[in-house]
Amino acid sequence: DQLVIESGVPRLGLVAGSVAVPGAANLQHARKQKLLRHIAKLDADIVVVDCGAGVHYNVVDFFAAADTQLLVSSAQLISLQNAYGFLKASLYRILRQCANEAGRARSIEPVSGESAEVETIRQVLARVAAEDPEFARTLEAELGRIHVQLLGNQLSDLREAKALSALSRMIADFLGLSVPVLGG
């Protein structure tokens, strides 16, 4: 609350990140958890955290902590690939954390190094279910908590909007999530 800068718009405030402080983007685990607890306690209807790009644990953890996750992408191929890769890394991070807490870390890892690139989330869950159906249901429940929505950025025509719909279908096929396109 002490860091909120009034915007001049009623009930709209800003808490700026600390880009001038070296290491501010690389929070230690305890500091990140403390920050997440404080964000959750803010007297606000909605809190938007702009995580930026990349698959660093801090970015992924802030994304995963949200009630609703917005995945923003332009229609450029590299942006679509990065959005997909970020979401995949986020889901695997969530599954690994859940498995670690349950003492089942090895159950999430692929059987061989080659299958890691092509194994879908559904295949991971099926593999875990073959060994421990109850734990697979726990993982499914954890993934059910994720509510990702796709938002297009810098779209100029209908063809580019269709690229986002294609990304949404690919996410459904390979990551097992329904990710609607909100618009652009």
C-alpha atoms as a PDB file:
ATOM      1  CA  ASP A   1       0.000   0.000   0.000  1.00  0.00           C
ATOM      2  CA  GLN A   2       2.873   2.378   0.752  1.00  0.00           C
ATOM      3  CA  LEU A   3       4.236   2.028  -2.795  1.00  0.00           C
ATOM      4  CA  VAL A   4       0.989   2.817  -4.639  1.00  0.00           C
ATOM      5  CA  ILE A   5       1.292   5.956  -6.765  1.00  0.00           C
ATOM      6  CA  GLU A   6      -2.018   7.730  -7.342  1.00  0.00           C
ATOM      7  CA  SER A   7      -2.815   8.068 -11.047  1.00  0.00           C
ATOM      8  CA  GLY A   8      -5.353  10.872 -10.899  1.00  0.00           C
ATOM      9  CA  VAL A   9      -8.065   8.386 -11.890  1.00  0.00           C
ATOM     10  CA  PRO A  10     -10.245   7.332  -8.945  1.00  0.00           C
ATOM     11  CA  ARG A  11      -9.283   3.891  -7.557  1.00  0.00           C
ATOM     12  CA  LEU A  12      -6.477   3.442 -10.118  1.00  0.00           C
ATOM     13  CA  GLY A  13      -2.986   3.272  -8.724  1.00  0.00           C
ATOM     14  CA  LEU A  14       0.414   2.125  -9.932  1.00  0.00           C
ATOM     15  CA  VAL A  15       3.196   0.280  -8.194  1.00  0.00           C
ATOM     16  CA  ALA A  16       6.229   0.690 -10.412  1.00  0.00           C
ATOM     17  CA  GLY A  17       8.832  -2.013 -10.768  1.00  0.00           C
ATOM     18  CA  SER A  18      12.370  -1.170  -9.839  1.00  0.00           C
ATOM     19  CA  VAL A  19      14.173  -1.266 -13.171  1.00  0.00           C
ATOM     20  CA  ALA A  20      17.021   0.913 -11.886  1.00  0.00           C
ATOM     21  CA  VAL A  21      18.001  -1.511  -9.127  1.00  0.00           C
ATOM     22  CA  PRO A  22      20.334  -4.328 -10.271  1.00  0.00           C
ATOM     23  CA  GLY A  23      18.860  -7.738  -9.486  1.00  0.00           C
ATOM     24  CA  ALA A  24      15.321  -6.431  -8.885  1.00  0.00           C
ATOM     25  CA  ALA A  25      13.996  -8.771 -11.575  1.00  0.00           C
ATOM     26  CA  ASN A  26      15.746 -11.749  -9.938  1.00  0.00           C
ATOM     27  CA  LEU A  27      14.040 -11.920  -6.582  1.00  0.00           C
ATOM     28  CA  GLN A  28      15.098 -14.573  -4.129  1.00  0.00           C
ATOM     29  CA  HIS A  29      12.361 -17.110  -3.375  1.00  0.00           C
ATOM     30  CA  ALA A  30      11.526 -15.727   0.074  1.00  0.00           C
ATOM     31  CA  ARG A  31      11.259 -12.137  -1.199  1.00  0.00           C
ATOM     32  CA  LYS A  32       9.089 -13.258  -4.119  1.00  0.00           C
ATOM     33  CA  GLN A  33       6.735 -15.112  -1.757  1.00  0.00           C
ATOM     34  CA  LYS A  34       6.544 -12.055   0.508  1.00  0.00           C
ATOM     35  CA  LEU A  35       5.752  -9.813  -2.467  1.00  0.00           C
ATOM     36  CA  LEU A  36       3.031 -12.193  -3.663  1.00  0.00           C
ATOM     37  CA  ARG A  37       1.476 -12.209  -0.159  1.00  0.00           C
ATOM     38  CA  HIS A  38       1.496  -8.395  -0.075  1.00  0.00           C
ATOM     39  CA  ILE A  39      -0.040  -8.145  -3.553  1.00  0.00           C
ATOM     40  CA  ALA A  40      -2.818 -10.504  -2.452  1.00  0.00           C
ATOM     41  CA  LYS A  41      -3.558  -8.233   0.534  1.00  0.00           C
ATOM     42  CA  LEU A  42      -3.897  -5.036  -1.527  1.00  0.00           C
ATOM     43  CA  ASP A  43      -7.253  -3.289  -1.151  1.00  0.00           C
ATOM     44  CA  ALA A  44      -8.094  -3.588  -4.837  1.00  0.00           C
ATOM     45  CA  ASP A  45     -10.744  -5.145  -7.021  1.00  0.00           C
ATOM     46  CA  ILE A  46      -8.196  -6.000  -9.707  1.00  0.00           C
ATOM     47  CA  VAL A  47      -4.410  -6.119  -9.648  1.00  0.00           C
ATOM     48  CA  VAL A  48      -2.573  -6.329 -12.967  1.00  0.00           C
ATOM     49  CA  VAL A  49       1.021  -7.540 -12.851  1.00  0.00           C
ATOM     50  CA  ASP A  50       2.929  -7.050 -16.090  1.00  0.00           C
ATOM     51  CA  CYS A  51       5.434  -9.897 -15.911  1.00  0.00           C
ATOM     52  CA  GLY A  52       7.272  -9.124 -19.116  1.00  0.00           C
ATOM     53  CA  ALA A  53       8.738 -11.772 -21.358  1.00  0.00           C
ATOM     54  CA  GLY A  54      10.869 -14.813 -20.668  1.00  0.00           C
ATOM     55  CA  VAL A  55      10.580 -18.083 -18.809  1.00  0.00           C
ATOM     56  CA  HIS A  56      12.530 -17.115 -15.697  1.00  0.00           C
ATOM     57  CA  TYR A  57      11.094 -18.629 -12.533  1.00  0.00           C
ATOM     58  CA  ASN A  58      10.043 -15.222 -11.180  1.00  0.00           C
ATOM     59  CA  VAL A  59       8.044 -14.412 -14.318  1.00  0.00           C
ATOM     60  CA  VAL A  60       6.472 -17.872 -14.399  1.00  0.00           C
ATOM     61  CA  ASP A  61       5.641 -17.791 -10.679  1.00  0.00           C
ATOM     62  CA  PHE A  62       3.955 -14.375 -10.876  1.00  0.00           C
ATOM     63  CA  PHE A  63       1.970 -15.584 -13.883  1.00  0.00           C
ATOM     64  CA  ALA A  64       0.912 -18.771 -12.084  1.00  0.00           C
ATOM     65  CA  ALA A  65      -0.111 -16.874  -8.929  1.00  0.00           C
ATOM     66  CA  ALA A  66      -2.791 -14.881 -10.754  1.00  0.00           C
ATOM     67  CA  ASP A  67      -6.473 -15.763 -10.627  1.00  0.00           C
ATOM     68  CA  THR A  68      -6.665 -15.044 -14.356  1.00  0.00           C
ATOM     69  CA  GLN A  69      -3.635 -15.082 -16.617  1.00  0.00           C
ATOM     70  CA  LEU A  70      -3.467 -12.959 -19.750  1.00  0.00           C
ATOM     71  CA  LEU A  71      -1.090 -14.211 -22.405  1.00  0.00           C
ATOM     72  CA  VAL A  72      -0.297 -11.328 -24.765  1.00  0.00           C
ATOM     73  CA  SER A  73       1.094 -12.003 -28.222  1.00  0.00           C
ATOM     74  CA  SER A  74       1.395 -10.324 -31.568  1.00  0.00           C
ATOM     75  CA  ALA A  75       0.740 -12.364 -34.717  1.00  0.00           C
ATOM     76  CA  GLN A  76       4.440 -12.557 -35.574  1.00  0.00           C
ATOM     77  CA  LEU A  77       5.696 -16.129 -35.618  1.00  0.00           C
ATOM     78  CA  ILE A  78       8.393 -15.540 -32.994  1.00  0.00           C
ATOM     79  CA  SER A  79       5.853 -13.920 -30.663  1.00  0.00           C
ATOM     80  CA  LEU A  80       3.435 -16.841 -31.097  1.00  0.00           C
ATOM     81  CA  GLN A  81       6.264 -19.326 -30.441  1.00  0.00           C
ATOM     82  CA  ASN A  82       7.356 -17.398 -27.360  1.00  0.00           C
ATOM     83  CA  ALA A  83       3.800 -17.252 -26.014  1.00  0.00           C
ATOM     84  CA  TYR A  84       3.386 -21.007 -26.475  1.00  0.00           C
ATOM     85  CA  GLY A  85       6.798 -21.753 -24.946  1.00  0.00           C
ATOM     86  CA  PHE A  86       6.094 -19.482 -21.984  1.00  0.00           C
ATOM     87  CA  LEU A  87       2.756 -21.161 -21.287  1.00  0.00           C
ATOM     88  CA  LYS A  88       4.287 -24.629 -21.614  1.00  0.00           C
ATOM     89  CA  ALA A  89       7.099 -23.690 -19.203  1.00  0.00           C
ATOM     90  CA  SER A  90       4.537 -22.248 -16.786  1.00  0.00           C
ATOM     91  CA  LEU A  91       2.412 -25.389 -16.799  1.00  0.00           C
ATOM     92  CA  TYR A  92       5.408 -27.663 -16.276  1.00  0.00           C
ATOM     93  CA  ARG A  93       6.616 -25.402 -13.436  1.00  0.00           C
ATOM     94  CA  ILE A  94       3.189 -25.721 -11.780  1.00  0.00           C
ATOM     95  CA  LEU A  95       3.189 -29.511 -12.219  1.00  0.00           C
ATOM     96  CA  ARG A  96       6.752 -29.796 -10.872  1.00  0.00           C
ATOM     97  CA  GLN A  97       5.972 -27.675  -7.821  1.00  0.00           C
ATOM     98  CA  CYS A  98       2.906 -29.784  -7.074  1.00  0.00           C
ATOM     99  CA  ALA A  99       4.930 -32.986  -7.540  1.00  0.00           C
ATOM    100  CA  ASN A 100       7.755 -31.685  -5.330  1.00  0.00           C
ATOM    101  CA  GLU A 101       5.306 -30.821  -2.549  1.00  0.00           C
ATOM    102  CA  ALA A 102       3.895 -34.354  -2.779  1.00  0.00           C
ATOM    103  CA  GLY A 103       7.355 -35.962  -2.820  1.00  0.00           C
ATOM    104  CA  ARG A 104       6.698 -37.180  -6.376  1.00  0.00           C
ATOM    105  CA  ALA A 105       9.115 -35.009  -8.386  1.00  0.00           C
ATOM    106  CA  ARG A 106      10.351 -37.862 -10.578  1.00  0.00           C
ATOM    107  CA  SER A 107       6.832 -38.727 -11.757  1.00  0.00           C
ATOM    108  CA  ILE A 108       6.625 -35.530 -13.837  1.00  0.00           C
ATOM    109  CA  GLU A 109       9.942 -35.896 -15.638  1.00  0.00           C
ATOM    110  CA  PRO A 110       9.884 -37.602 -19.047  1.00  0.00           C
ATOM    111  CA  VAL A 111      10.954 -41.217 -19.288  1.00  0.00           C
ATOM    112  CA  SER A 112      13.640 -40.346 -21.832  1.00  0.00           C
ATOM    113  CA  GLY A 113      15.220 -37.066 -22.876  1.00  0.00           C
ATOM    114  CA  GLU A 114      13.829 -37.367 -26.393  1.00  0.00           C
ATOM    115  CA  SER A 115      10.195 -37.525 -25.291  1.00  0.00           C
ATOM    116  CA  ALA A 116      10.450 -34.261 -23.328  1.00  0.00           C
ATOM    117  CA  GLU A 117      10.026 -32.143 -26.452  1.00  0.00           C
ATOM    118  CA  VAL A 118       6.979 -33.944 -27.819  1.00  0.00           C
ATOM    119  CA  GLU A 119       5.171 -35.252 -24.737  1.00  0.00           C
ATOM    120  CA  THR A 120       1.883 -33.430 -24.270  1.00  0.00           C
ATOM    121  CA  ILE A 121       0.435 -32.502 -20.891  1.00  0.00           C
ATOM    122  CA  ARG A 122      -2.260 -35.141 -21.458  1.00  0.00           C
ATOM    123  CA  GLN A 123       0.448 -37.765 -22.022  1.00  0.00           C
ATOM    124  CA  VAL A 124       2.221 -36.721 -18.817  1.00  0.00           C
ATOM    125  CA  LEU A 125      -1.045 -37.019 -16.881  1.00  0.00           C
ATOM    126  CA  ALA A 126      -1.803 -40.409 -18.472  1.00  0.00           C
ATOM    127  CA  ARG A 127       1.676 -41.661 -17.552  1.00  0.00           C
ATOM    128  CA  VAL A 128       1.258 -40.465 -13.963  1.00  0.00           C
ATOM    129  CA  ALA A 129      -2.281 -41.937 -13.797  1.00  0.00           C
ATOM    130  CA  ALA A 130      -0.946 -45.363 -14.780  1.00  0.00           C
ATOM    131  CA  GLU A 131       1.229 -45.293 -11.656  1.00  0.00           C
ATOM    132  CA  ASP A 132      -0.964 -43.287  -9.276  1.00  0.00           C
ATOM    133  CA  PRO A 133      -4.485 -42.285 -10.374  1.00  0.00           C
ATOM    134  CA  GLU A 134      -5.103 -40.211  -7.245  1.00  0.00           C
ATOM    135  CA  PHE A 135      -1.965 -38.133  -7.773  1.00  0.00           C
ATOM    136  CA  ALA A 136      -2.940 -37.627 -11.429  1.00  0.00           C
ATOM    137  CA  ARG A 137      -6.289 -36.236 -10.245  1.00  0.00           C
ATOM    138  CA  THR A 138      -4.383 -33.872  -7.927  1.00  0.00           C
ATOM    139  CA  LEU A 139      -2.326 -32.626 -10.866  1.00  0.00           C
ATOM    140  CA  GLU A 140      -5.440 -32.234 -13.021  1.00  0.00           C
ATOM    141  CA  ALA A 141      -7.090 -30.202 -10.252  1.00  0.00           C
ATOM    142  CA  GLU A 142      -4.015 -27.981 -10.048  1.00  0.00           C
ATOM    143  CA  LEU A 143      -4.122 -27.394 -13.808  1.00  0.00           C
ATOM    144  CA  GLY A 144      -7.870 -26.743 -13.547  1.00  0.00           C
ATOM    145  CA  ARG A 145      -6.995 -23.731 -11.424  1.00  0.00           C
ATOM    146  CA  ILE A 146      -5.279 -22.097 -14.398  1.00  0.00           C
ATOM    147  CA  HIS A 147      -7.452 -19.648 -16.360  1.00  0.00           C
ATOM    148  CA  VAL A 148      -5.429 -18.329 -19.276  1.00  0.00           C
ATOM    149  CA  GLN A 149      -6.843 -15.969 -21.862  1.00  0.00           C
ATOM    150  CA  LEU A 150      -5.102 -14.818 -25.028  1.00  0.00           C
ATOM    151  CA  LEU A 151      -4.911 -11.171 -26.007  1.00  0.00           C
ATOM    152  CA  GLY A 152      -3.599  -9.991 -29.365  1.00  0.00           C
ATOM    153  CA  ASN A 153      -1.209  -7.052 -29.550  1.00  0.00           C
ATOM    154  CA  GLN A 154      -0.466  -4.925 -32.608  1.00  0.00           C
ATOM    155  CA  LEU A 155      -2.911  -6.767 -34.865  1.00  0.00           C
ATOM    156  CA  SER A 156      -3.597  -5.080 -38.188  1.00  0.00           C
ATOM    157  CA  ASP A 157      -5.967  -7.415 -40.034  1.00  0.00           C
ATOM    158  CA  LEU A 158      -8.215 -10.465 -39.787  1.00  0.00           C
ATOM    159  CA  ARG A 159      -5.419 -12.816 -40.910  1.00  0.00           C
ATOM    160  CA  GLU A 160      -3.386 -11.838 -37.851  1.00  0.00           C
ATOM    161  CA  ALA A 161      -6.392 -12.417 -35.585  1.00  0.00           C
ATOM    162  CA  LYS A 162      -6.681 -15.907 -37.098  1.00  0.00           C
ATOM    163  CA  ALA A 163      -3.072 -16.596 -36.087  1.00  0.00           C
ATOM    164  CA  LEU A 164      -4.122 -16.127 -32.457  1.00  0.00           C
ATOM    165  CA  SER A 165      -6.994 -18.573 -32.949  1.00  0.00           C
ATOM    166  CA  ALA A 166      -4.502 -21.077 -34.362  1.00  0.00           C
ATOM    167  CA  LEU A 167      -2.317 -20.588 -31.280  1.00  0.00           C
ATOM    168  CA  SER A 168      -5.362 -21.193 -29.080  1.00  0.00           C
ATOM    169  CA  ARG A 169      -6.064 -24.491 -30.902  1.00  0.00           C
ATOM    170  CA  MET A 170      -2.416 -25.563 -30.610  1.00  0.00           C
ATOM    171  CA  ILE A 171      -2.481 -24.864 -26.865  1.00  0.00           C
ATOM    172  CA  ALA A 172      -5.620 -27.001 -26.541  1.00  0.00           C
ATOM    173  CA  ASP A 173      -4.076 -29.852 -28.549  1.00  0.00           C
ATOM    174  CA  PHE A 174      -0.655 -29.969 -26.909  1.00  0.00           C
ATOM    175  CA  LEU A 175      -1.112 -28.407 -23.484  1.00  0.00           C
ATOM    176  CA  GLY A 176      -4.679 -29.499 -22.800  1.00  0.00           C
ATOM    177  CA  LEU A 177      -5.928 -26.027 -21.874  1.00  0.00           C
ATOM    178  CA  SER A 178      -8.820 -24.090 -23.284  1.00  0.00           C
ATOM    179  CA  VAL A 179      -7.392 -20.616 -23.917  1.00  0.00           C
ATOM    180  CA  PRO A 180      -9.955 -18.295 -25.456  1.00  0.00           C
ATOM    181  CA  VAL A 181      -8.902 -15.327 -27.559  1.00  0.00           C
ATOM    182  CA  LEU A 182     -10.264 -12.190 -25.883  1.00  0.00           C
ATOM    183  CA  GLY A 183      -9.517  -9.915 -28.803  1.00  0.00           C
ATOM    184  CA  GLY A 184      -6.768  -7.658 -29.915  1.00  0.00           C
END
